[in-house]
PDB file of all heavy atoms in Angstrom:
ATOM      1  N   TYR A   1     -79.598 -23.271  -9.772  1.00  0.00           N
ATOM      2  CA  TYR A   1     -78.200 -23.427 -10.165  1.00  0.00           C
ATOM      3  C   TYR A   1     -78.033 -24.287 -11.418  1.00  0.00           C
ATOM      4  O   TYR A   1     -76.905 -24.615 -11.793  1.00  0.00           O
ATOM      5  CB  TYR A   1     -77.399 -24.055  -9.027  1.00  0.00           C
ATOM      6  CG  TYR A   1     -77.006 -23.083  -7.939  1.00  0.00           C
ATOM      7  CD1 TYR A   1     -77.413 -23.289  -6.623  1.00  0.00           C
ATOM      8  CD2 TYR A   1     -76.238 -21.957  -8.214  1.00  0.00           C
ATOM      9  CE1 TYR A   1     -77.057 -22.405  -5.624  1.00  0.00           C
ATOM     10  CE2 TYR A   1     -75.880 -21.070  -7.227  1.00  0.00           C
ATOM     11  CZ  TYR A   1     -76.288 -21.290  -5.931  1.00  0.00           C
ATOM     12  OH  TYR A   1     -75.946 -20.418  -4.941  1.00  0.00           O
ATOM     13  N   TYR A   2     -79.139 -24.636 -12.050  1.00  0.00           N
ATOM     14  CA  TYR A   2     -79.048 -25.505 -13.233  1.00  0.00           C
ATOM     15  C   TYR A   2     -78.131 -24.870 -14.285  1.00  0.00           C
ATOM     16  O   TYR A   2     -78.243 -23.686 -14.607  1.00  0.00           O
ATOM     17  CB  TYR A   2     -80.433 -25.728 -13.832  1.00  0.00           C
ATOM     18  CG  TYR A   2     -80.441 -26.685 -15.007  1.00  0.00           C
ATOM     19  CD1 TYR A   2     -80.537 -28.051 -14.809  1.00  0.00           C
ATOM     20  CD2 TYR A   2     -80.322 -26.219 -16.311  1.00  0.00           C
ATOM     21  CE1 TYR A   2     -80.535 -28.940 -15.876  1.00  0.00           C
ATOM     22  CE2 TYR A   2     -80.325 -27.088 -17.391  1.00  0.00           C
ATOM     23  CZ  TYR A   2     -80.423 -28.447 -17.169  1.00  0.00           C
ATOM     24  OH  TYR A   2     -80.415 -29.316 -18.235  1.00  0.00           O
ATOM     25  N   GLY A   3     -77.213 -25.689 -14.817  1.00  0.00           N
ATOM     26  CA  GLY A   3     -76.323 -25.211 -15.870  1.00  0.00           C
ATOM     27  C   GLY A   3     -75.118 -24.440 -15.370  1.00  0.00           C
ATOM     28  O   GLY A   3     -74.393 -23.837 -16.162  1.00  0.00           O
ATOM     29  N   GLN A   4     -74.862 -24.475 -14.049  1.00  0.00           N
ATOM     30  CA  GLN A   4     -73.737 -23.730 -13.506  1.00  0.00           C
ATOM     31  C   GLN A   4     -72.747 -24.645 -12.796  1.00  0.00           C
ATOM     32  O   GLN A   4     -73.125 -25.635 -12.170  1.00  0.00           O
ATOM     33  CB  GLN A   4     -74.236 -22.657 -12.526  1.00  0.00           C
ATOM     34  CG  GLN A   4     -75.026 -21.551 -13.221  1.00  0.00           C
ATOM     35  CD  GLN A   4     -75.540 -20.517 -12.253  1.00  0.00           C
ATOM     36  OE1 GLN A   4     -76.301 -20.841 -11.343  1.00  0.00           O
ATOM     37  NE2 GLN A   4     -75.146 -19.275 -12.432  1.00  0.00           N
ATOM     38  N   ILE A   5     -71.474 -24.298 -12.913  1.00  0.00           N
ATOM     39  CA  ILE A   5     -70.425 -24.959 -12.149  1.00  0.00           C
ATOM     40  C   ILE A   5     -70.309 -24.214 -10.825  1.00  0.00           C
ATOM     41  O   ILE A   5     -70.139 -22.992 -10.808  1.00  0.00           O
ATOM     42  CB  ILE A   5     -69.083 -24.930 -12.902  1.00  0.00           C
ATOM     43  CG1 ILE A   5     -69.180 -25.753 -14.191  1.00  0.00           C
ATOM     44  CG2 ILE A   5     -67.957 -25.448 -12.013  1.00  0.00           C
ATOM     45  CD1 ILE A   5     -67.970 -25.606 -15.098  1.00  0.00           C
ATOM     46  N   MET A   6     -70.435 -24.938  -9.734  1.00  0.00           N
ATOM     47  CA  MET A   6     -70.405 -24.314  -8.420  1.00  0.00           C
ATOM     48  C   MET A   6     -68.990 -24.282  -7.864  1.00  0.00           C
ATOM     49  O   MET A   6     -68.327 -25.328  -7.767  1.00  0.00           O
ATOM     50  CB  MET A   6     -71.331 -25.076  -7.452  1.00  0.00           C
ATOM     51  CG  MET A   6     -71.266 -24.603  -6.009  1.00  0.00           C
ATOM     52  SD  MET A   6     -71.501 -22.830  -5.803  1.00  0.00           S
ATOM     53  CE  MET A   6     -73.098 -22.630  -6.582  1.00  0.00           C
ATOM     54  N   LEU A   7     -68.547 -23.104  -7.511  1.00  0.00           N
ATOM     55  CA  LEU A   7     -67.282 -22.914  -6.815  1.00  0.00           C
ATOM     56  C   LEU A   7     -67.601 -22.658  -5.348  1.00  0.00           C
ATOM     57  O   LEU A   7     -68.219 -21.645  -5.011  1.00  0.00           O
ATOM     58  CB  LEU A   7     -66.518 -21.728  -7.422  1.00  0.00           C
ATOM     59  CG  LEU A   7     -65.338 -21.170  -6.623  1.00  0.00           C
ATOM     60  CD1 LEU A   7     -64.263 -22.244  -6.423  1.00  0.00           C
ATOM     61  CD2 LEU A   7     -64.747 -19.957  -7.335  1.00  0.00           C
ATOM     62  N   ALA A   8     -67.220 -23.583  -4.479  1.00  0.00           N
ATOM     63  CA  ALA A   8     -67.500 -23.459  -3.047  1.00  0.00           C
ATOM     64  C   ALA A   8     -66.356 -22.710  -2.377  1.00  0.00           C
ATOM     65  O   ALA A   8     -65.190 -23.121  -2.484  1.00  0.00           O
ATOM     66  CB  ALA A   8     -67.668 -24.837  -2.421  1.00  0.00           C
ATOM     67  N   THR A   9     -66.671 -21.615  -1.696  1.00  0.00           N
ATOM     68  CA  THR A   9     -65.613 -20.846  -1.040  1.00  0.00           C
ATOM     69  C   THR A   9     -65.264 -21.395   0.341  1.00  0.00           C
ATOM     70  O   THR A   9     -64.190 -21.117   0.852  1.00  0.00           O
ATOM     71  CB  THR A   9     -66.011 -19.367  -0.891  1.00  0.00           C
ATOM     72  OG1 THR A   9     -67.154 -19.259  -0.041  1.00  0.00           O
ATOM     73  CG2 THR A   9     -66.328 -18.757  -2.248  1.00  0.00           C
ATOM     74  N   THR A  10     -66.185 -22.152   0.956  1.00  0.00           N
ATOM     75  CA  THR A  10     -65.860 -22.764   2.244  1.00  0.00           C
ATOM     76  C   THR A  10     -64.809 -23.851   2.049  1.00  0.00           C
ATOM     77  O   THR A  10     -64.739 -24.478   0.982  1.00  0.00           O
ATOM     78  CB  THR A  10     -67.126 -23.337   2.917  1.00  0.00           C
ATOM     79  OG1 THR A  10     -66.813 -23.725   4.244  1.00  0.00           O
ATOM     80  CG2 THR A  10     -67.674 -24.532   2.151  1.00  0.00           C
ATOM     81  N   ALA A  11     -63.985 -24.064   3.063  1.00  0.00           N
ATOM     82  CA  ALA A  11     -62.810 -24.926   2.889  1.00  0.00           C
ATOM     83  C   ALA A  11     -63.139 -26.404   2.743  1.00  0.00           C
ATOM     84  O   ALA A  11     -62.418 -27.146   2.071  1.00  0.00           O
ATOM     85  CB  ALA A  11     -61.849 -24.726   4.063  1.00  0.00           C
ATOM     86  N   HIS A  12     -64.225 -26.872   3.382  1.00  0.00           N
ATOM     87  CA  HIS A  12     -64.518 -28.305   3.403  1.00  0.00           C
ATOM     88  C   HIS A  12     -65.901 -28.589   2.826  1.00  0.00           C
ATOM     89  O   HIS A  12     -66.890 -27.982   3.231  1.00  0.00           O
ATOM     90  CB  HIS A  12     -64.453 -28.848   4.836  1.00  0.00           C
ATOM     91  CG  HIS A  12     -63.102 -28.705   5.460  1.00  0.00           C
ATOM     92  ND1 HIS A  12     -62.065 -29.573   5.199  1.00  0.00           N
ATOM     93  CD2 HIS A  12     -62.611 -27.779   6.328  1.00  0.00           C
ATOM     94  CE1 HIS A  12     -61.000 -29.194   5.877  1.00  0.00           C
ATOM     95  NE2 HIS A  12     -61.309 -28.104   6.568  1.00  0.00           N
ATOM     96  N   ILE A  13     -65.968 -29.522   1.904  1.00  0.00           N
ATOM     97  CA  ILE A  13     -67.219 -29.956   1.292  1.00  0.00           C
ATOM     98  C   ILE A  13     -67.358 -31.461   1.498  1.00  0.00           C
ATOM     99  O   ILE A  13     -66.418 -32.213   1.252  1.00  0.00           O
ATOM    100  CB  ILE A  13     -67.259 -29.625  -0.214  1.00  0.00           C
ATOM    101  CG1 ILE A  13     -67.331 -28.114  -0.421  1.00  0.00           C
ATOM    102  CG2 ILE A  13     -68.431 -30.312  -0.900  1.00  0.00           C
ATOM    103  CD1 ILE A  13     -68.609 -27.471   0.079  1.00  0.00           C
ATOM    104  N   GLY A  14     -68.539 -31.890   1.949  1.00  0.00           N
ATOM    105  CA  GLY A  14     -68.802 -33.315   2.122  1.00  0.00           C
ATOM    106  C   GLY A  14     -68.587 -33.825   3.524  1.00  0.00           C
ATOM    107  O   GLY A  14     -68.851 -35.001   3.798  1.00  0.00           O
ATOM    108  N   ASN A  15     -68.141 -32.965   4.451  1.00  0.00           N
ATOM    109  CA  ASN A  15     -67.751 -33.441   5.775  1.00  0.00           C
ATOM    110  C   ASN A  15     -68.908 -33.954   6.620  1.00  0.00           C
ATOM    111  O   ASN A  15     -68.691 -34.731   7.545  1.00  0.00           O
ATOM    112  CB  ASN A  15     -66.987 -32.356   6.539  1.00  0.00           C
ATOM    113  CG  ASN A  15     -67.677 -31.006   6.492  1.00  0.00           C
ATOM    114  OD1 ASN A  15     -68.057 -30.544   5.429  1.00  0.00           O
ATOM    115  ND2 ASN A  15     -67.835 -30.383   7.633  1.00  0.00           N
ATOM    116  N   TYR A  16     -70.153 -33.532   6.310  1.00  0.00           N
ATOM    117  CA  TYR A  16     -71.277 -34.055   7.099  1.00  0.00           C
ATOM    118  C   TYR A  16     -72.236 -34.899   6.248  1.00  0.00           C
ATOM    119  O   TYR A  16     -73.355 -35.190   6.654  1.00  0.00           O
ATOM    120  CB  TYR A  16     -72.028 -32.930   7.825  1.00  0.00           C
ATOM    121  CG  TYR A  16     -72.567 -31.811   6.961  1.00  0.00           C
ATOM    122  CD1 TYR A  16     -73.785 -31.943   6.296  1.00  0.00           C
ATOM    123  CD2 TYR A  16     -71.877 -30.616   6.838  1.00  0.00           C
ATOM    124  CE1 TYR A  16     -74.283 -30.918   5.517  1.00  0.00           C
ATOM    125  CE2 TYR A  16     -72.375 -29.576   6.066  1.00  0.00           C
ATOM    126  CZ  TYR A  16     -73.578 -29.725   5.407  1.00  0.00           C
ATOM    127  OH  TYR A  16     -74.082 -28.708   4.631  1.00  0.00           O
ATOM    128  N   GLY A  17     -71.786 -35.311   5.084  1.00  0.00           N
ATOM    129  CA  GLY A  17     -72.548 -36.258   4.281  1.00  0.00           C
ATOM    130  C   GLY A  17     -73.810 -35.703   3.675  1.00  0.00           C
ATOM    131  O   GLY A  17     -73.967 -34.495   3.499  1.00  0.00           O
ATOM    132  N   VAL A  18     -74.738 -36.604   3.358  1.00  0.00           N
ATOM    133  CA  VAL A  18     -76.000 -36.268   2.698  1.00  0.00           C
ATOM    134  C   VAL A  18     -77.147 -36.883   3.489  1.00  0.00           C
ATOM    135  O   VAL A  18     -77.062 -38.035   3.914  1.00  0.00           O
ATOM    136  CB  VAL A  18     -76.014 -36.806   1.247  1.00  0.00           C
ATOM    137  CG1 VAL A  18     -77.375 -36.620   0.605  1.00  0.00           C
ATOM    138  CG2 VAL A  18     -74.935 -36.114   0.413  1.00  0.00           C
ATOM    139  N   HIS A  19     -78.223 -36.100   3.674  1.00  0.00           N
ATOM    140  CA  HIS A  19     -79.393 -36.561   4.422  1.00  0.00           C
ATOM    141  C   HIS A  19     -80.626 -36.453   3.536  1.00  0.00           C
ATOM    142  O   HIS A  19     -80.822 -35.447   2.854  1.00  0.00           O
ATOM    143  CB  HIS A  19     -79.565 -35.730   5.692  1.00  0.00           C
ATOM    144  CG  HIS A  19     -80.516 -36.319   6.682  1.00  0.00           C
ATOM    145  ND1 HIS A  19     -81.888 -36.312   6.502  1.00  0.00           N
ATOM    146  CD2 HIS A  19     -80.297 -36.946   7.873  1.00  0.00           C
ATOM    147  CE1 HIS A  19     -82.463 -36.898   7.524  1.00  0.00           C
ATOM    148  NE2 HIS A  19     -81.522 -37.301   8.378  1.00  0.00           N
ATOM    149  N   LYS A  20     -81.475 -37.453   3.564  1.00  0.00           N
ATOM    150  CA  LYS A  20     -82.634 -37.525   2.671  1.00  0.00           C
ATOM    151  C   LYS A  20     -83.623 -36.387   2.874  1.00  0.00           C
ATOM    152  O   LYS A  20     -84.397 -36.069   1.965  1.00  0.00           O
ATOM    153  CB  LYS A  20     -83.359 -38.863   2.841  1.00  0.00           C
ATOM    154  CG  LYS A  20     -83.897 -39.134   4.238  1.00  0.00           C
ATOM    155  CD  LYS A  20     -84.580 -40.503   4.327  1.00  0.00           C
ATOM    156  CE  LYS A  20     -85.020 -40.841   5.736  1.00  0.00           C
ATOM    157  NZ  LYS A  20     -85.945 -39.857   6.317  1.00  0.00           N
ATOM    158  N   ASP A  21     -83.640 -35.760   4.039  1.00  0.00           N
ATOM    159  CA  ASP A  21     -84.601 -34.691   4.304  1.00  0.00           C
ATOM    160  C   ASP A  21     -84.089 -33.304   3.931  1.00  0.00           C
ATOM    161  O   ASP A  21     -84.766 -32.310   4.184  1.00  0.00           O
ATOM    162  CB  ASP A  21     -84.978 -34.693   5.800  1.00  0.00           C
ATOM    163  CG  ASP A  21     -85.756 -35.931   6.189  1.00  0.00           C
ATOM    164  OD1 ASP A  21     -86.458 -36.489   5.317  1.00  0.00           O
ATOM    165  OD2 ASP A  21     -85.662 -36.333   7.367  1.00  0.00           O
ATOM    166  N   GLU A  22     -82.903 -33.237   3.333  1.00  0.00           N
ATOM    167  CA  GLU A  22     -82.299 -31.934   3.067  1.00  0.00           C
ATOM    168  C   GLU A  22     -82.115 -31.639   1.579  1.00  0.00           C
ATOM    169  O   GLU A  22     -81.392 -30.710   1.209  1.00  0.00           O
ATOM    170  CB  GLU A  22     -80.958 -31.827   3.810  1.00  0.00           C
ATOM    171  CG  GLU A  22     -81.158 -31.834   5.322  1.00  0.00           C
ATOM    172  CD  GLU A  22     -79.873 -31.982   6.103  1.00  0.00           C
ATOM    173  OE1 GLU A  22     -78.789 -32.076   5.476  1.00  0.00           O
ATOM    174  OE2 GLU A  22     -79.934 -32.008   7.347  1.00  0.00           O
ATOM    175  N   PHE A  23     -82.792 -32.395   0.728  1.00  0.00           N
ATOM    176  CA  PHE A  23     -82.752 -32.105  -0.700  1.00  0.00           C
ATOM    177  C   PHE A  23     -83.726 -30.969  -1.017  1.00  0.00           C
ATOM    178  O   PHE A  23     -84.796 -30.876  -0.426  1.00  0.00           O
ATOM    179  CB  PHE A  23     -83.151 -33.340  -1.518  1.00  0.00           C
ATOM    180  CG  PHE A  23     -82.201 -34.491  -1.372  1.00  0.00           C
ATOM    181  CD1 PHE A  23     -82.598 -35.666  -0.757  1.00  0.00           C
ATOM    182  CD2 PHE A  23     -80.911 -34.406  -1.857  1.00  0.00           C
ATOM    183  CE1 PHE A  23     -81.728 -36.733  -0.620  1.00  0.00           C
ATOM    184  CE2 PHE A  23     -80.022 -35.458  -1.725  1.00  0.00           C
ATOM    185  CZ  PHE A  23     -80.434 -36.628  -1.108  1.00  0.00           C
ATOM    186  N   ASP A  24     -83.370 -30.114  -1.971  1.00  0.00           N
ATOM    187  CA  ASP A  24     -84.278 -29.050  -2.391  1.00  0.00           C
ATOM    188  C   ASP A  24     -84.881 -29.306  -3.763  1.00  0.00           C
ATOM    189  O   ASP A  24     -85.564 -28.450  -4.318  1.00  0.00           O
ATOM    190  CB  ASP A  24     -83.571 -27.693  -2.364  1.00  0.00           C
ATOM    191  CG  ASP A  24     -84.105 -26.814  -1.240  1.00  0.00           C
ATOM    192  OD1 ASP A  24     -85.323 -26.876  -0.993  1.00  0.00           O
ATOM    193  OD2 ASP A  24     -83.333 -26.072  -0.622  1.00  0.00           O
ATOM    194  N   SER A  25     -84.627 -30.487  -4.312  1.00  0.00           N
ATOM    195  CA  SER A  25     -85.281 -30.947  -5.540  1.00  0.00           C
ATOM    196  C   SER A  25     -85.009 -32.442  -5.642  1.00  0.00           C
ATOM    197  O   SER A  25     -84.406 -33.035  -4.745  1.00  0.00           O
ATOM    198  CB  SER A  25     -84.756 -30.197  -6.770  1.00  0.00           C
ATOM    199  OG  SER A  25     -83.423 -30.564  -7.060  1.00  0.00           O
ATOM    200  N   ASP A  26     -85.417 -33.035  -6.746  1.00  0.00           N
ATOM    201  CA  ASP A  26     -85.296 -34.485  -6.880  1.00  0.00           C
ATOM    202  C   ASP A  26     -83.937 -34.960  -7.386  1.00  0.00           C
ATOM    203  O   ASP A  26     -83.702 -36.155  -7.514  1.00  0.00           O
ATOM    204  CB  ASP A  26     -86.399 -35.017  -7.803  1.00  0.00           C
ATOM    205  CG  ASP A  26     -86.333 -34.413  -9.196  1.00  0.00           C
ATOM    206  OD1 ASP A  26     -85.460 -33.541  -9.441  1.00  0.00           O
ATOM    207  OD2 ASP A  26     -87.158 -34.785 -10.054  1.00  0.00           O
ATOM    208  N   SER A  27     -83.015 -34.030  -7.670  1.00  0.00           N
ATOM    209  CA  SER A  27     -81.716 -34.435  -8.207  1.00  0.00           C
ATOM    210  C   SER A  27     -80.714 -33.294  -8.093  1.00  0.00           C
ATOM    211  O   SER A  27     -81.082 -32.146  -7.816  1.00  0.00           O
ATOM    212  CB  SER A  27     -81.849 -34.851  -9.682  1.00  0.00           C
ATOM    213  OG  SER A  27     -82.257 -33.739 -10.471  1.00  0.00           O
ATOM    214  N   ILE A  28     -79.446 -33.599  -8.332  1.00  0.00           N
ATOM    215  CA  ILE A  28     -78.410 -32.565  -8.375  1.00  0.00           C
ATOM    216  C   ILE A  28     -78.659 -31.675  -9.589  1.00  0.00           C
ATOM    217  O   ILE A  28     -78.938 -32.164 -10.686  1.00  0.00           O
ATOM    218  CB  ILE A  28     -77.014 -33.207  -8.478  1.00  0.00           C
ATOM    219  CG1 ILE A  28     -76.700 -34.003  -7.208  1.00  0.00           C
ATOM    220  CG2 ILE A  28     -75.942 -32.141  -8.709  1.00  0.00           C
ATOM    221  CD1 ILE A  28     -75.410 -34.772  -7.270  1.00  0.00           C
ATOM    222  N   LYS A  29     -78.557 -30.378  -9.402  1.00  0.00           N
ATOM    223  CA  LYS A  29     -78.822 -29.435 -10.490  1.00  0.00           C
ATOM    224  C   LYS A  29     -77.575 -28.720 -10.995  1.00  0.00           C
ATOM    225  O   LYS A  29     -77.574 -28.206 -12.113  1.00  0.00           O
ATOM    226  CB  LYS A  29     -79.865 -28.397 -10.041  1.00  0.00           C
ATOM    227  CG  LYS A  29     -81.244 -29.012  -9.789  1.00  0.00           C
ATOM    228  CD  LYS A  29     -81.805 -29.683 -11.027  1.00  0.00           C
ATOM    229  CE  LYS A  29     -83.255 -30.133 -10.905  1.00  0.00           C
ATOM    230  NZ  LYS A  29     -83.469 -31.207  -9.931  1.00  0.00           N
ATOM    231  N   ILE A  30     -76.519 -28.636 -10.175  1.00  0.00           N
ATOM    232  CA  ILE A  30     -75.294 -28.024 -10.673  1.00  0.00           C
ATOM    233  C   ILE A  30     -74.690 -28.929 -11.744  1.00  0.00           C
ATOM    234  O   ILE A  30     -74.936 -30.138 -11.770  1.00  0.00           O
ATOM    235  CB  ILE A  30     -74.280 -27.774  -9.546  1.00  0.00           C
ATOM    236  CG1 ILE A  30     -73.885 -29.093  -8.851  1.00  0.00           C
ATOM    237  CG2 ILE A  30     -74.832 -26.765  -8.539  1.00  0.00           C
ATOM    238  CD1 ILE A  30     -72.716 -28.935  -7.877  1.00  0.00           C
ATOM    239  N   SER A  31     -73.891 -28.341 -12.628  1.00  0.00           N
ATOM    240  CA  SER A  31     -73.279 -29.153 -13.687  1.00  0.00           C
ATOM    241  C   SER A  31     -71.909 -29.677 -13.287  1.00  0.00           C
ATOM    242  O   SER A  31     -71.376 -30.598 -13.924  1.00  0.00           O
ATOM    243  CB  SER A  31     -73.164 -28.337 -14.979  1.00  0.00           C
ATOM    244  OG  SER A  31     -72.367 -27.182 -14.784  1.00  0.00           O
ATOM    245  N   GLY A  32     -71.315 -29.104 -12.233  1.00  0.00           N
ATOM    246  CA  GLY A  32     -70.021 -29.562 -11.754  1.00  0.00           C
ATOM    247  C   GLY A  32     -69.644 -28.809 -10.494  1.00  0.00           C
ATOM    248  O   GLY A  32     -70.268 -27.797 -10.156  1.00  0.00           O
ATOM    249  N   LEU A  33     -68.622 -29.305  -9.774  1.00  0.00           N
ATOM    250  CA  LEU A  33     -68.200 -28.687  -8.518  1.00  0.00           C
ATOM    251  C   LEU A  33     -66.697 -28.451  -8.519  1.00  0.00           C
ATOM    252  O   LEU A  33     -65.922 -29.294  -8.967  1.00  0.00           O
ATOM    253  CB  LEU A  33     -68.558 -29.597  -7.333  1.00  0.00           C
ATOM    254  CG  LEU A  33     -68.008 -29.160  -5.967  1.00  0.00           C
ATOM    255  CD1 LEU A  33     -68.692 -27.880  -5.503  1.00  0.00           C
ATOM    256  CD2 LEU A  33     -68.180 -30.269  -4.931  1.00  0.00           C
ATOM    257  N   VAL A  34     -66.319 -27.276  -7.984  1.00  0.00           N
ATOM    258  CA  VAL A  34     -64.923 -26.946  -7.747  1.00  0.00           C
ATOM    259  C   VAL A  34     -64.803 -26.590  -6.268  1.00  0.00           C
ATOM    260  O   VAL A  34     -65.571 -25.772  -5.757  1.00  0.00           O
ATOM    261  CB  VAL A  34     -64.466 -25.750  -8.608  1.00  0.00           C
ATOM    262  CG1 VAL A  34     -63.046 -25.345  -8.250  1.00  0.00           C
ATOM    263  CG2 VAL A  34     -64.573 -26.084 -10.093  1.00  0.00           C
ATOM    264  N   CYS A  35     -63.862 -27.203  -5.557  1.00  0.00           N
ATOM    265  CA  CYS A  35     -63.724 -26.947  -4.124  1.00  0.00           C
ATOM    266  C   CYS A  35     -62.270 -27.081  -3.686  1.00  0.00           C
ATOM    267  O   CYS A  35     -61.403 -27.509  -4.455  1.00  0.00           O
ATOM    268  CB  CYS A  35     -64.613 -27.886  -3.322  1.00  0.00           C
ATOM    269  SG  CYS A  35     -64.209 -29.640  -3.485  1.00  0.00           S
ATOM    270  N   LYS A  36     -62.026 -26.706  -2.433  1.00  0.00           N
ATOM    271  CA  LYS A  36     -60.679 -26.824  -1.855  1.00  0.00           C
ATOM    272  C   LYS A  36     -60.457 -28.240  -1.333  1.00  0.00           C
ATOM    273  O   LYS A  36     -59.559 -28.949  -1.781  1.00  0.00           O
ATOM    274  CB  LYS A  36     -60.513 -25.796  -0.729  1.00  0.00           C
ATOM    275  CG  LYS A  36     -59.163 -25.872  -0.015  1.00  0.00           C
ATOM    276  CD  LYS A  36     -58.010 -25.587  -0.957  1.00  0.00           C
ATOM    277  CE  LYS A  36     -56.685 -25.606  -0.191  1.00  0.00           C
ATOM    278  NZ  LYS A  36     -55.539 -25.439  -1.115  1.00  0.00           N
ATOM    279  N   ASN A  37     -61.262 -28.654  -0.355  1.00  0.00           N
ATOM    280  CA  ASN A  37     -61.120 -29.990   0.238  1.00  0.00           C
ATOM    281  C   ASN A  37     -62.428 -30.760   0.110  1.00  0.00           C
ATOM    282  O   ASN A  37     -63.465 -30.307   0.599  1.00  0.00           O
ATOM    283  CB  ASN A  37     -60.750 -29.878   1.718  1.00  0.00           C
ATOM    284  CG  ASN A  37     -59.432 -29.181   1.941  1.00  0.00           C
ATOM    285  OD1 ASN A  37     -58.412 -29.599   1.405  1.00  0.00           O
ATOM    286  ND2 ASN A  37     -59.441 -28.106   2.725  1.00  0.00           N
ATOM    287  N   PHE A  38     -62.387 -31.898  -0.536  1.00  0.00           N
ATOM    288  CA  PHE A  38     -63.545 -32.781  -0.663  1.00  0.00           C
ATOM    289  C   PHE A  38     -63.344 -33.922   0.329  1.00  0.00           C
ATOM    290  O   PHE A  38     -62.422 -34.725   0.189  1.00  0.00           O
ATOM    291  CB  PHE A  38     -63.655 -33.310  -2.089  1.00  0.00           C
ATOM    292  CG  PHE A  38     -64.966 -33.991  -2.388  1.00  0.00           C
ATOM    293  CD1 PHE A  38     -66.006 -33.287  -2.959  1.00  0.00           C
ATOM    294  CD2 PHE A  38     -65.148 -35.333  -2.100  1.00  0.00           C
ATOM    295  CE1 PHE A  38     -67.217 -33.897  -3.249  1.00  0.00           C
ATOM    296  CE2 PHE A  38     -66.363 -35.967  -2.379  1.00  0.00           C
ATOM    297  CZ  PHE A  38     -67.396 -35.235  -2.951  1.00  0.00           C
ATOM    298  N   SER A  39     -64.188 -33.981   1.355  1.00  0.00           N
ATOM    299  CA  SER A  39     -63.986 -34.929   2.447  1.00  0.00           C
ATOM    300  C   SER A  39     -64.118 -36.372   1.975  1.00  0.00           C
ATOM    301  O   SER A  39     -65.070 -36.730   1.279  1.00  0.00           O
ATOM    302  CB  SER A  39     -64.994 -34.661   3.574  1.00  0.00           C
ATOM    303  OG  SER A  39     -64.744 -33.407   4.160  1.00  0.00           O
ATOM    304  N   ASP A  40     -63.163 -37.200   2.400  1.00  0.00           N
ATOM    305  CA  ASP A  40     -63.178 -38.614   2.051  1.00  0.00           C
ATOM    306  C   ASP A  40     -64.245 -39.385   2.822  1.00  0.00           C
ATOM    307  O   ASP A  40     -64.608 -40.491   2.464  1.00  0.00           O
ATOM    308  CB  ASP A  40     -61.818 -39.247   2.351  1.00  0.00           C
ATOM    309  CG  ASP A  40     -60.705 -38.634   1.516  1.00  0.00           C
ATOM    310  OD1 ASP A  40     -61.027 -37.822   0.634  1.00  0.00           O
ATOM    311  OD2 ASP A  40     -59.540 -38.977   1.747  1.00  0.00           O
ATOM    312  N   PHE A  41     -64.746 -38.802   3.916  1.00  0.00           N
ATOM    313  CA  PHE A  41     -65.749 -39.483   4.742  1.00  0.00           C
ATOM    314  C   PHE A  41     -66.647 -38.423   5.360  1.00  0.00           C
ATOM    315  O   PHE A  41     -66.356 -37.235   5.339  1.00  0.00           O
ATOM    316  CB  PHE A  41     -65.070 -40.309   5.839  1.00  0.00           C
ATOM    317  CG  PHE A  41     -64.210 -39.491   6.756  1.00  0.00           C
ATOM    318  CD1 PHE A  41     -64.732 -38.919   7.906  1.00  0.00           C
ATOM    319  CD2 PHE A  41     -62.869 -39.262   6.453  1.00  0.00           C
ATOM    320  CE1 PHE A  41     -63.944 -38.158   8.750  1.00  0.00           C
ATOM    321  CE2 PHE A  41     -62.080 -38.483   7.295  1.00  0.00           C
ATOM    322  CZ  PHE A  41     -62.615 -37.937   8.436  1.00  0.00           C
ATOM    323  N   GLN A  42     -67.772 -38.878   5.915  1.00  0.00           N
ATOM    324  CA  GLN A  42     -68.685 -37.963   6.598  1.00  0.00           C
ATOM    325  C   GLN A  42     -68.766 -38.334   8.073  1.00  0.00           C
ATOM    326  O   GLN A  42     -68.618 -39.492   8.433  1.00  0.00           O
ATOM    327  CB  GLN A  42     -70.068 -37.983   5.935  1.00  0.00           C
ATOM    328  CG  GLN A  42     -70.760 -39.339   5.887  1.00  0.00           C
ATOM    329  CD  GLN A  42     -71.480 -39.669   7.171  1.00  0.00           C
ATOM    330  OE1 GLN A  42     -71.739 -38.797   7.991  1.00  0.00           O
ATOM    331  NE2 GLN A  42     -71.812 -40.947   7.341  1.00  0.00           N
ATOM    332  N   SER A  43     -69.017 -37.335   8.915  1.00  0.00           N
ATOM    333  CA  SER A  43     -68.965 -37.560  10.354  1.00  0.00           C
ATOM    334  C   SER A  43     -70.312 -37.429  11.049  1.00  0.00           C
ATOM    335  O   SER A  43     -70.363 -37.471  12.277  1.00  0.00           O
ATOM    336  CB  SER A  43     -67.978 -36.569  10.986  1.00  0.00           C
ATOM    337  OG  SER A  43     -68.375 -35.232  10.708  1.00  0.00           O
ATOM    338  N   ARG A  44     -71.399 -37.261  10.292  1.00  0.00           N
ATOM    339  CA  ARG A  44     -72.716 -37.100  10.922  1.00  0.00           C
ATOM    340  C   ARG A  44     -73.403 -38.458  11.036  1.00  0.00           C
ATOM    341  O   ARG A  44     -73.677 -39.104  10.008  1.00  0.00           O
ATOM    342  CB  ARG A  44     -73.571 -36.133  10.096  1.00  0.00           C
ATOM    343  CG  ARG A  44     -74.938 -35.859  10.702  1.00  0.00           C
ATOM    344  CD  ARG A  44     -75.670 -34.717  10.034  1.00  0.00           C
ATOM    345  NE  ARG A  44     -75.794 -34.856   8.599  1.00  0.00           N
ATOM    346  CZ  ARG A  44     -76.691 -34.187   7.860  1.00  0.00           C
ATOM    347  NH1 ARG A  44     -77.520 -33.333   8.455  1.00  0.00           N
ATOM    348  NH2 ARG A  44     -76.741 -34.351   6.560  1.00  0.00           N
ATOM    349  N   PRO A  45     -73.733 -38.893  12.223  1.00  0.00           N
ATOM    350  CA  PRO A  45     -74.350 -40.220  12.393  1.00  0.00           C
ATOM    351  C   PRO A  45     -75.661 -40.387  11.629  1.00  0.00           C
ATOM    352  O   PRO A  45     -75.982 -41.495  11.195  1.00  0.00           O
ATOM    353  CB  PRO A  45     -74.579 -40.302  13.913  1.00  0.00           C
ATOM    354  CG  PRO A  45     -73.573 -39.382  14.501  1.00  0.00           C
ATOM    355  CD  PRO A  45     -73.431 -38.252  13.528  1.00  0.00           C
ATOM    356  N   SER A  46     -76.428 -39.300  11.455  1.00  0.00           N
ATOM    357  CA  SER A  46     -77.726 -39.424  10.807  1.00  0.00           C
ATOM    358  C   SER A  46     -77.658 -39.361   9.285  1.00  0.00           C
ATOM    359  O   SER A  46     -78.679 -39.518   8.611  1.00  0.00           O
ATOM    360  CB  SER A  46     -78.666 -38.318  11.306  1.00  0.00           C
ATOM    361  OG  SER A  46     -78.174 -37.042  10.937  1.00  0.00           O
ATOM    362  N   ALA A  47     -76.474 -39.158   8.720  1.00  0.00           N
ATOM    363  CA  ALA A  47     -76.344 -39.069   7.268  1.00  0.00           C
ATOM    364  C   ALA A  47     -76.711 -40.398   6.614  1.00  0.00           C
ATOM    365  O   ALA A  47     -76.448 -41.478   7.149  1.00  0.00           O
ATOM    366  CB  ALA A  47     -74.923 -38.670   6.886  1.00  0.00           C
TER     367      ALA A  47
END
């Protein structure tokens, strides 16, 4: 996805946070994000 702006069609982004074992490279590769709802908090205890 390098060099692309990601448009997420799912309604909620960020709701389960970020986990260290779920990265697919060493850094974010998209150039930007467009979404409907960006969650103010995450609800996953292991995040």
